[in-house]
């Protein structure tokens, strides 16, 4: 299996987080669109840390399941 991480996520620009995020709490995931390897995801509390890179299709399926309320904690 190929490791899909970016060690220095701060080196990339264009990160975004959900408009539903609380800007003060800092407990958010940020994603980067348009990356050739897939969809990088990082912790907003550690923007210079590593990011996980998910295959685009897998990320789209995850987001669709969240929006449809198909996932439980």
PDB file of N, CA and C in Angstrom:
ATOM      1  N   UNK A   1       0.845  -1.184   0.000  1.00  0.00           N
ATOM      2  CA  UNK A   1       0.000   0.000   0.000  1.00  0.00           C
ATOM      3  C   UNK A   1       0.887   1.242   0.000  1.00  0.00           C
ATOM      4  N   UNK A   2       0.549   2.210  -0.808  1.00  0.00           N
ATOM      5  CA  UNK A   2       1.294   3.454  -0.894  1.00  0.00           C
ATOM      6  C   UNK A   2       0.928   4.361   0.267  1.00  0.00           C
ATOM      7  N   UNK A   3       1.957   4.893   0.923  1.00  0.00           N
ATOM      8  CA  UNK A   3       1.698   5.851   2.003  1.00  0.00           C
ATOM      9  C   UNK A   3       1.224   7.145   1.372  1.00  0.00           C
ATOM     10  N   UNK A   4       0.147   7.648   1.857  1.00  0.00           N
ATOM     11  CA  UNK A   4      -0.422   8.871   1.300  1.00  0.00           C
ATOM     12  C   UNK A   4      -0.453   9.949   2.372  1.00  0.00           C
ATOM     13  N   UNK A   5       0.697  10.570   2.559  1.00  0.00           N
ATOM     14  CA  UNK A   5       0.790  11.688   3.497  1.00  0.00           C
ATOM     15  C   UNK A   5       1.619  12.793   2.879  1.00  0.00           C
ATOM     16  N   UNK A   6       1.402  13.988   3.365  1.00  0.00           N
ATOM     17  CA  UNK A   6       2.236  15.144   3.048  1.00  0.00           C
ATOM     18  C   UNK A   6       2.777  15.598   4.391  1.00  0.00           C
ATOM     19  N   UNK A   7       4.075  15.534   4.574  1.00  0.00           N
ATOM     20  CA  UNK A   7       4.667  15.811   5.881  1.00  0.00           C
ATOM     21  C   UNK A   7       4.569  17.280   6.280  1.00  0.00           C
ATOM     22  N   UNK A   8       4.754  18.214   5.345  1.00  0.00           N
ATOM     23  CA  UNK A   8       4.703  19.644   5.658  1.00  0.00           C
ATOM     24  C   UNK A   8       3.521  20.269   4.935  1.00  0.00           C
ATOM     25  N   UNK A   9       2.351  20.139   5.515  1.00  0.00           N
ATOM     26  CA  UNK A   9       1.130  20.623   4.876  1.00  0.00           C
ATOM     27  C   UNK A   9       1.124  22.140   4.694  1.00  0.00           C
ATOM     28  N   UNK A  10       1.873  22.862   5.514  1.00  0.00           N
ATOM     29  CA  UNK A  10       1.904  24.325   5.409  1.00  0.00           C
ATOM     30  C   UNK A  10       2.567  24.783   4.112  1.00  0.00           C
ATOM     31  N   UNK A  11       3.321  23.896   3.468  1.00  0.00           N
ATOM     32  CA  UNK A  11       3.992  24.257   2.219  1.00  0.00           C
ATOM     33  C   UNK A  11       3.004  24.414   1.061  1.00  0.00           C
ATOM     34  N   UNK A  12       1.787  23.943   1.242  1.00  0.00           N
ATOM     35  CA  UNK A  12       0.767  24.035   0.199  1.00  0.00           C
ATOM     36  C   UNK A  12      -0.211  25.156   0.530  1.00  0.00           C
ATOM     37  N   UNK A  13      -0.671  25.856  -0.483  1.00  0.00           N
ATOM     38  CA  UNK A  13      -1.633  26.940  -0.247  1.00  0.00           C
ATOM     39  C   UNK A  13      -2.999  26.547  -0.803  1.00  0.00           C
ATOM     40  N   UNK A  14      -4.019  27.200  -0.309  1.00  0.00           N
ATOM     41  CA  UNK A  14      -5.370  26.975  -0.790  1.00  0.00           C
ATOM     42  C   UNK A  14      -6.228  26.102   0.103  1.00  0.00           C
ATOM     43  N   UNK A  15      -5.809  25.884   1.345  1.00  0.00           N
ATOM     44  CA  UNK A  15      -6.585  25.067   2.280  1.00  0.00           C
ATOM     45  C   UNK A  15      -7.912  25.749   2.580  1.00  0.00           C
ATOM     46  N   UNK A  16      -8.955  24.958   2.798  1.00  0.00           N
ATOM     47  CA  UNK A  16     -10.267  25.512   3.167  1.00  0.00           C
ATOM     48  C   UNK A  16     -10.905  24.606   4.211  1.00  0.00           C
ATOM     49  N   UNK A  17     -11.845  25.180   4.941  1.00  0.00           N
ATOM     50  CA  UNK A  17     -12.627  24.383   5.885  1.00  0.00           C
ATOM     51  C   UNK A  17     -14.092  24.710   5.684  1.00  0.00           C
ATOM     52  N   UNK A  18     -14.931  23.926   6.275  1.00  0.00           N
ATOM     53  CA  UNK A  18     -16.368  24.072   6.105  1.00  0.00           C
ATOM     54  C   UNK A  18     -16.845  25.446   6.567  1.00  0.00           C
ATOM     55  N   UNK A  19     -17.830  25.963   5.875  1.00  0.00           N
ATOM     56  CA  UNK A  19     -18.437  27.231   6.300  1.00  0.00           C
ATOM     57  C   UNK A  19     -19.209  27.048   7.601  1.00  0.00           C
ATOM     58  N   UNK A  20     -19.439  25.814   8.013  1.00  0.00           N
ATOM     59  CA  UNK A  20     -20.131  25.520   9.273  1.00  0.00           C
ATOM     60  C   UNK A  20     -19.165  25.467  10.453  1.00  0.00           C
ATOM     61  N   UNK A  21     -17.867  25.645  10.192  1.00  0.00           N
ATOM     62  CA  UNK A  21     -16.852  25.570  11.252  1.00  0.00           C
ATOM     63  C   UNK A  21     -16.915  26.791  12.143  1.00  0.00           C
ATOM     64  N   UNK A  22     -16.558  26.605  13.382  1.00  0.00           N
ATOM     65  CA  UNK A  22     -16.416  27.712  14.316  1.00  0.00           C
ATOM     66  C   UNK A  22     -14.975  28.193  14.213  1.00  0.00           C
ATOM     67  N   UNK A  23     -14.763  29.387  13.723  1.00  0.00           N
ATOM     68  CA  UNK A  23     -13.407  29.896  13.510  1.00  0.00           C
ATOM     69  C   UNK A  23     -12.610  30.048  14.796  1.00  0.00           C
ATOM     70  N   UNK A  24     -13.267  30.104  15.933  1.00  0.00           N
ATOM     71  CA  UNK A  24     -12.563  30.315  17.194  1.00  0.00           C
ATOM     72  C   UNK A  24     -12.135  29.018  17.871  1.00  0.00           C
ATOM     73  N   UNK A  25     -12.833  27.933  17.620  1.00  0.00           N
ATOM     74  CA  UNK A  25     -12.544  26.681  18.324  1.00  0.00           C
ATOM     75  C   UNK A  25     -11.279  26.002  17.817  1.00  0.00           C
ATOM     76  N   UNK A  26     -10.996  26.107  16.537  1.00  0.00           N
ATOM     77  CA  UNK A  26      -9.797  25.496  15.992  1.00  0.00           C
ATOM     78  C   UNK A  26      -9.851  23.982  15.903  1.00  0.00           C
ATOM     79  N   UNK A  27     -11.016  23.405  16.043  1.00  0.00           N
ATOM     80  CA  UNK A  27     -11.155  21.945  15.971  1.00  0.00           C
ATOM     81  C   UNK A  27     -11.777  21.558  14.635  1.00  0.00           C
ATOM     82  N   UNK A  28     -11.072  21.857  13.575  1.00  0.00           N
ATOM     83  CA  UNK A  28     -11.627  21.637  12.247  1.00  0.00           C
ATOM     84  C   UNK A  28     -10.668  20.838  11.379  1.00  0.00           C
ATOM     85  N   UNK A  29     -11.238  20.209  10.393  1.00  0.00           N
ATOM     86  CA  UNK A  29     -10.438  19.622   9.333  1.00  0.00           C
ATOM     87  C   UNK A  29     -10.390  20.621   8.196  1.00  0.00           C
ATOM     88  N   UNK A  30      -9.265  20.679   7.529  1.00  0.00           N
ATOM     89  CA  UNK A  30      -9.126  21.518   6.348  1.00  0.00           C
ATOM     90  C   UNK A  30      -8.780  20.619   5.174  1.00  0.00           C
ATOM     91  N   UNK A  31      -9.304  20.950   4.003  1.00  0.00           N
ATOM     92  CA  UNK A  31      -9.029  20.169   2.804  1.00  0.00           C
ATOM     93  C   UNK A  31      -8.424  21.071   1.743  1.00  0.00           C
ATOM     94  N   UNK A  32      -7.730  20.440   0.812  1.00  0.00           N
ATOM     95  CA  UNK A  32      -7.095  21.160  -0.290  1.00  0.00           C
ATOM     96  C   UNK A  32      -7.614  20.575  -1.589  1.00  0.00           C
ATOM     97  N   UNK A  33      -8.284  21.380  -2.377  1.00  0.00           N
ATOM     98  CA  UNK A  33      -8.824  20.923  -3.658  1.00  0.00           C
ATOM     99  C   UNK A  33      -7.758  21.009  -4.747  1.00  0.00           C
ATOM    100  N   UNK A  34      -7.870  20.144  -5.735  1.00  0.00           N
ATOM    101  CA  UNK A  34      -7.026  20.232  -6.913  1.00  0.00           C
ATOM    102  C   UNK A  34      -5.644  19.623  -6.798  1.00  0.00           C
ATOM    103  N   UNK A  35      -5.370  18.873  -5.748  1.00  0.00           N
ATOM    104  CA  UNK A  35      -4.055  18.234  -5.605  1.00  0.00           C
ATOM    105  C   UNK A  35      -4.020  17.001  -6.507  1.00  0.00           C
ATOM    106  N   UNK A  36      -2.931  16.781  -7.248  1.00  0.00           N
ATOM    107  CA  UNK A  36      -2.894  15.668  -8.202  1.00  0.00           C
ATOM    108  C   UNK A  36      -2.948  14.274  -7.570  1.00  0.00           C
ATOM    109  N   UNK A  37      -2.567  14.146  -6.306  1.00  0.00           N
ATOM    110  CA  UNK A  37      -2.530  12.825  -5.666  1.00  0.00           C
ATOM    111  C   UNK A  37      -3.850  12.441  -5.005  1.00  0.00           C
ATOM    112  N   UNK A  38      -4.798  13.372  -4.917  1.00  0.00           N
ATOM    113  CA  UNK A  38      -6.070  13.101  -4.244  1.00  0.00           C
ATOM    114  C   UNK A  38      -6.508  14.309  -3.445  1.00  0.00           C
ATOM    115  N   UNK A  39      -7.109  14.066  -2.280  1.00  0.00           N
ATOM    116  CA  UNK A  39      -7.614  15.152  -1.432  1.00  0.00           C
ATOM    117  C   UNK A  39      -6.845  15.150  -0.114  1.00  0.00           C
ATOM    118  N   UNK A  40      -5.909  16.102   0.048  1.00  0.00           N
ATOM    119  CA  UNK A  40      -5.207  16.220   1.329  1.00  0.00           C
ATOM    120  C   UNK A  40      -6.142  16.778   2.402  1.00  0.00           C
ATOM    121  N   UNK A  41      -6.020  16.229   3.612  1.00  0.00           N
ATOM    122  CA  UNK A  41      -6.830  16.648   4.759  1.00  0.00           C
ATOM    123  C   UNK A  41      -5.886  16.845   5.936  1.00  0.00           C
ATOM    124  N   UNK A  42      -6.001  17.991   6.614  1.00  0.00           N
ATOM    125  CA  UNK A  42      -5.131  18.266   7.762  1.00  0.00           C
ATOM    126  C   UNK A  42      -5.944  18.777   8.937  1.00  0.00           C
ATOM    127  N   UNK A  43      -5.318  18.790  10.098  1.00  0.00           N
ATOM    128  CA  UNK A  43      -5.907  19.293  11.334  1.00  0.00           C
ATOM    129  C   UNK A  43      -5.647  20.793  11.400  1.00  0.00           C
ATOM    130  N   UNK A  44      -6.682  21.592  11.552  1.00  0.00           N
ATOM    131  CA  UNK A  44      -6.509  23.047  11.585  1.00  0.00           C
ATOM    132  C   UNK A  44      -5.692  23.516  12.785  1.00  0.00           C
ATOM    133  N   UNK A  45      -5.623  22.702  13.838  1.00  0.00           N
ATOM    134  CA  UNK A  45      -4.819  23.079  15.010  1.00  0.00           C
ATOM    135  C   UNK A  45      -3.328  22.890  14.759  1.00  0.00           C
ATOM    136  N   UNK A  46      -2.973  22.168  13.703  1.00  0.00           N
ATOM    137  CA  UNK A  46      -1.572  21.889  13.397  1.00  0.00           C
ATOM    138  C   UNK A  46      -1.335  22.064  11.895  1.00  0.00           C
ATOM    139  N   UNK A  47      -1.466  23.297  11.376  1.00  0.00           N
ATOM    140  CA  UNK A  47      -1.371  23.502   9.933  1.00  0.00           C
ATOM    141  C   UNK A  47      -0.005  23.162   9.338  1.00  0.00           C
ATOM    142  N   UNK A  48       1.030  23.157  10.142  1.00  0.00           N
ATOM    143  CA  UNK A  48       2.356  22.805   9.646  1.00  0.00           C
ATOM    144  C   UNK A  48       2.671  21.333   9.767  1.00  0.00           C
ATOM    145  N   UNK A  49       1.752  20.592  10.337  1.00  0.00           N
ATOM    146  CA  UNK A  49       1.962  19.155  10.509  1.00  0.00           C
ATOM    147  C   UNK A  49       1.629  18.393   9.245  1.00  0.00           C
ATOM    148  N   UNK A  50       1.529  17.088   9.365  1.00  0.00           N
ATOM    149  CA  UNK A  50       1.250  16.272   8.184  1.00  0.00           C
ATOM    150  C   UNK A  50      -0.218  16.335   7.766  1.00  0.00           C
ATOM    151  N   UNK A  51      -0.446  15.983   6.526  1.00  0.00           N
ATOM    152  CA  UNK A  51      -1.802  15.856   5.995  1.00  0.00           C
ATOM    153  C   UNK A  51      -1.956  14.445   5.444  1.00  0.00           C
ATOM    154  N   UNK A  52      -3.119  13.881   5.618  1.00  0.00           N
ATOM    155  CA  UNK A  52      -3.447  12.602   4.993  1.00  0.00           C
ATOM    156  C   UNK A  52      -4.015  12.888   3.612  1.00  0.00           C
ATOM    157  N   UNK A  53      -3.669  12.059   2.639  1.00  0.00           N
ATOM    158  CA  UNK A  53      -4.177  12.246   1.282  1.00  0.00           C
ATOM    159  C   UNK A  53      -5.085  11.067   0.943  1.00  0.00           C
ATOM    160  N   UNK A  54      -6.347  11.374   0.699  1.00  0.00           N
ATOM    161  CA  UNK A  54      -7.337  10.348   0.379  1.00  0.00           C
ATOM    162  C   UNK A  54      -7.593  10.329  -1.124  1.00  0.00           C
ATOM    163  N   UNK A  55      -7.827   9.151  -1.698  1.00  0.00           N
ATOM    164  CA  UNK A  55      -8.202   9.097  -3.115  1.00  0.00           C
ATOM    165  C   UNK A  55      -9.462   9.932  -3.342  1.00  0.00           C
ATOM    166  N   UNK A  56      -9.516  10.632  -4.455  1.00  0.00           N
ATOM    167  CA  UNK A  56     -10.637  11.544  -4.725  1.00  0.00           C
ATOM    168  C   UNK A  56     -11.992  10.852  -4.654  1.00  0.00           C
ATOM    169  N   UNK A  57     -12.100   9.661  -5.225  1.00  0.00           N
ATOM    170  CA  UNK A  57     -13.372   8.936  -5.201  1.00  0.00           C
ATOM    171  C   UNK A  57     -13.790   8.538  -3.801  1.00  0.00           C
ATOM    172  N   UNK A  58     -12.831   8.109  -2.998  1.00  0.00           N
ATOM    173  CA  UNK A  58     -13.119   7.741  -1.613  1.00  0.00           C
ATOM    174  C   UNK A  58     -13.567   8.933  -0.796  1.00  0.00           C
ATOM    175  N   UNK A  59     -12.918  10.074  -1.012  1.00  0.00           N
ATOM    176  CA  UNK A  59     -13.297  11.291  -0.290  1.00  0.00           C
ATOM    177  C   UNK A  59     -14.709  11.724  -0.678  1.00  0.00           C
ATOM    178  N   UNK A  60     -15.021  11.664  -1.976  1.00  0.00           N
ATOM    179  CA  UNK A  60     -16.357  12.047  -2.443  1.00  0.00           C
ATOM    180  C   UNK A  60     -17.424  11.142  -1.826  1.00  0.00           C
ATOM    181  N   UNK A  61     -17.139   9.855  -1.721  1.00  0.00           N
ATOM    182  CA  UNK A  61     -18.087   8.921  -1.101  1.00  0.00           C
ATOM    183  C   UNK A  61     -18.277   9.228   0.377  1.00  0.00           C
ATOM    184  N   UNK A  62     -17.187   9.548   1.071  1.00  0.00           N
ATOM    185  CA  UNK A  62     -17.259   9.900   2.489  1.00  0.00           C
ATOM    186  C   UNK A  62     -18.115  11.150   2.694  1.00  0.00           C
ATOM    187  N   UNK A  63     -17.856  12.189   1.913  1.00  0.00           N
ATOM    188  CA  UNK A  63     -18.611  13.438   2.045  1.00  0.00           C
ATOM    189  C   UNK A  63     -20.089  13.198   1.747  1.00  0.00           C
ATOM    190  N   UNK A  64     -20.392  12.417   0.727  1.00  0.00           N
ATOM    191  CA  UNK A  64     -21.789  12.120   0.393  1.00  0.00           C
ATOM    192  C   UNK A  64     -22.478  11.383   1.539  1.00  0.00           C
ATOM    193  N   UNK A  65     -21.777  10.451   2.172  1.00  0.00           N
ATOM    194  CA  UNK A  65     -22.355   9.708   3.296  1.00  0.00           C
ATOM    195  C   UNK A  65     -22.605  10.621   4.492  1.00  0.00           C
ATOM    196  N   UNK A  66     -21.686  11.548   4.751  1.00  0.00           N
ATOM    197  CA  UNK A  66     -21.874  12.505   5.850  1.00  0.00           C
ATOM    198  C   UNK A  66     -23.096  13.373   5.576  1.00  0.00           C
ATOM    199  N   UNK A  67     -23.183  13.905   4.371  1.00  0.00           N
ATOM    200  CA  UNK A  67     -24.312  14.776   4.024  1.00  0.00           C
ATOM    201  C   UNK A  67     -25.651  14.048   4.094  1.00  0.00           C
ATOM    202  N   UNK A  68     -25.642  12.759   3.785  1.00  0.00           N
ATOM    203  CA  UNK A  68     -26.878  11.970   3.796  1.00  0.00           C
ATOM    204  C   UNK A  68     -27.219  11.436   5.186  1.00  0.00           C
ATOM    205  N   UNK A  69     -26.352  11.704   6.171  1.00  0.00           N
ATOM    206  CA  UNK A  69     -26.596  11.231   7.529  1.00  0.00           C
ATOM    207  C   UNK A  69     -26.429   9.725   7.679  1.00  0.00           C
ATOM    208  N   UNK A  70     -25.622   9.128   6.820  1.00  0.00           N
ATOM    209  CA  UNK A  70     -25.450   7.675   6.830  1.00  0.00           C
ATOM    210  C   UNK A  70     -24.390   7.187   7.812  1.00  0.00           C
ATOM    211  N   UNK A  71     -23.662   8.077   8.437  1.00  0.00           N
ATOM    212  CA  UNK A  71     -22.596   7.689   9.359  1.00  0.00           C
ATOM    213  C   UNK A  71     -23.006   8.005  10.788  1.00  0.00           C
ATOM    214  N   UNK A  72     -22.604   7.165  11.704  1.00  0.00           N
ATOM    215  CA  UNK A  72     -22.872   7.428  13.115  1.00  0.00           C
ATOM    216  C   UNK A  72     -21.563   7.377  13.887  1.00  0.00           C
ATOM    217  N   UNK A  73     -21.544   8.040  15.016  1.00  0.00           N
ATOM    218  CA  UNK A  73     -20.336   8.093  15.836  1.00  0.00           C
ATOM    219  C   UNK A  73     -20.408   7.052  16.913  1.00  0.00           C
TER     220      UNK A  73
END
